C-alpha atoms as a PDB file:
ATOM      1  CA  UNK A   1    -127.541  58.097 -58.728  1.00  0.00           C
ATOM      2  CA  UNK A   2    -125.417  57.472 -61.789  1.00  0.00           C
ATOM      3  CA  UNK A   3    -123.757  54.138 -62.381  1.00  0.00           C
ATOM      4  CA  UNK A   4    -120.362  55.760 -61.717  1.00  0.00           C
ATOM      5  CA  UNK A   5    -121.583  57.245 -58.420  1.00  0.00           C
ATOM      6  CA  UNK A   6    -122.931  53.833 -57.467  1.00  0.00           C
ATOM      7  CA  UNK A   7    -119.600  52.132 -58.207  1.00  0.00           C
ATOM      8  CA  UNK A   8    -117.794  54.768 -56.115  1.00  0.00           C
ATOM      9  CA  UNK A   9    -120.150  54.153 -53.179  1.00  0.00           C
ATOM     10  CA  UNK A  10    -119.705  50.379 -53.488  1.00  0.00           C
ATOM     11  CA  UNK A  11    -115.917  50.791 -53.559  1.00  0.00           C
ATOM     12  CA  UNK A  12    -116.108  52.897 -50.393  1.00  0.00           C
ATOM     13  CA  UNK A  13    -118.254  50.302 -48.600  1.00  0.00           C
ATOM     14  CA  UNK A  14    -115.920  47.513 -49.682  1.00  0.00           C
ATOM     15  CA  UNK A  15    -112.832  49.580 -48.833  1.00  0.00           C
ATOM     16  CA  UNK A  16    -111.192  49.132 -52.242  1.00  0.00           C
ATOM     17  CA  UNK A  17    -109.874  51.825 -54.623  1.00  0.00           C
ATOM     18  CA  UNK A  18    -112.403  51.090 -57.370  1.00  0.00           C
ATOM     19  CA  UNK A  19    -114.817  48.535 -58.767  1.00  0.00           C
ATOM     20  CA  UNK A  20    -116.264  47.898 -62.208  1.00  0.00           C
ATOM     21  CA  UNK A  21    -119.649  46.502 -63.190  1.00  0.00           C
ATOM     22  CA  UNK A  22    -117.979  43.137 -63.741  1.00  0.00           C
ATOM     23  CA  UNK A  23    -116.343  43.059 -60.283  1.00  0.00           C
ATOM     24  CA  UNK A  24    -117.419  39.988 -58.337  1.00  0.00           C
ATOM     25  CA  UNK A  25    -117.708  41.666 -54.959  1.00  0.00           C
ATOM     26  CA  UNK A  26    -117.696  38.451 -52.911  1.00  0.00           C
ATOM     27  CA  UNK A  27    -114.286  37.567 -54.376  1.00  0.00           C
ATOM     28  CA  UNK A  28    -112.589  40.767 -53.191  1.00  0.00           C
ATOM     29  CA  UNK A  29    -110.010  40.480 -50.410  1.00  0.00           C
ATOM     30  CA  UNK A  30    -111.547  41.077 -47.026  1.00  0.00           C
ATOM     31  CA  UNK A  31    -115.106  40.212 -48.065  1.00  0.00           C
ATOM     32  CA  UNK A  32    -117.155  39.560 -44.954  1.00  0.00           C
ATOM     33  CA  UNK A  33    -120.665  39.716 -43.585  1.00  0.00           C
ATOM     34  CA  UNK A  34    -120.109  43.298 -42.397  1.00  0.00           C
ATOM     35  CA  UNK A  35    -119.416  44.402 -45.951  1.00  0.00           C
ATOM     36  CA  UNK A  36    -122.500  42.518 -47.144  1.00  0.00           C
ATOM     37  CA  UNK A  37    -124.556  44.349 -44.538  1.00  0.00           C
ATOM     38  CA  UNK A  38    -122.940  47.634 -45.594  1.00  0.00           C
ATOM     39  CA  UNK A  39    -123.979  47.054 -49.206  1.00  0.00           C
ATOM     40  CA  UNK A  40    -127.546  46.259 -48.165  1.00  0.00           C
ATOM     41  CA  UNK A  41    -127.724  49.406 -46.029  1.00  0.00           C
ATOM     42  CA  UNK A  42    -126.216  51.519 -48.823  1.00  0.00           C
ATOM     43  CA  UNK A  43    -128.748  50.166 -51.324  1.00  0.00           C
ATOM     44  CA  UNK A  44    -131.629  50.968 -49.002  1.00  0.00           C
ATOM     45  CA  UNK A  45    -130.417  54.394 -47.885  1.00  0.00           C
ATOM     46  CA  UNK A  46    -129.056  55.698 -51.191  1.00  0.00           C
ATOM     47  CA  UNK A  47    -131.424  54.074 -53.678  1.00  0.00           C
ATOM     48  CA  UNK A  48    -134.472  53.038 -51.675  1.00  0.00           C
ATOM     49  CA  UNK A  49    -133.908  49.393 -52.632  1.00  0.00           C
ATOM     50  CA  UNK A  50    -134.577  46.727 -50.044  1.00  0.00           C
ATOM     51  CA  UNK A  51    -133.255  43.273 -50.879  1.00  0.00           C
ATOM     52  CA  UNK A  52    -133.952  40.181 -48.844  1.00  0.00           C
ATOM     53  CA  UNK A  53    -131.125  37.746 -48.117  1.00  0.00           C
ATOM     54  CA  UNK A  54    -132.210  35.275 -50.806  1.00  0.00           C
ATOM     55  CA  UNK A  55    -132.239  37.918 -53.563  1.00  0.00           C
ATOM     56  CA  UNK A  56    -128.916  39.376 -52.389  1.00  0.00           C
ATOM     57  CA  UNK A  57    -127.349  35.902 -52.464  1.00  0.00           C
ATOM     58  CA  UNK A  58    -128.264  35.599 -56.163  1.00  0.00           C
ATOM     59  CA  UNK A  59    -126.276  38.699 -57.122  1.00  0.00           C
ATOM     60  CA  UNK A  60    -122.637  38.222 -58.090  1.00  0.00           C
ATOM     61  CA  UNK A  61    -121.354  41.448 -59.624  1.00  0.00           C
ATOM     62  CA  UNK A  62    -121.476  45.161 -58.904  1.00  0.00           C
ATOM     63  CA  UNK A  63    -123.438  45.614 -62.131  1.00  0.00           C
ATOM     64  CA  UNK A  64    -126.064  43.155 -60.910  1.00  0.00           C
ATOM     65  CA  UNK A  65    -126.311  45.104 -57.655  1.00  0.00           C
ATOM     66  CA  UNK A  66    -126.925  48.283 -59.636  1.00  0.00           C
ATOM     67  CA  UNK A  67    -129.570  46.634 -61.803  1.00  0.00           C
ATOM     68  CA  UNK A  68    -131.324  45.204 -58.740  1.00  0.00           C
ATOM     69  CA  UNK A  69    -132.386  48.705 -57.855  1.00  0.00           C
END
């Protein structure tokens, strides 16, 4: 999955038009635990990356999410 494809998938999960690597996903309007869960599921299903809650809590930006996988 390219970085651009990843950003598009993240934007879809977060229900926003677009995100950049520098986007702080927890600061987006509407951020909630369901979106957090959606990101974790997307990471596992699309990239085979399984993050525990502690590791996920350390990540702040979309770019960091991408690099985590």
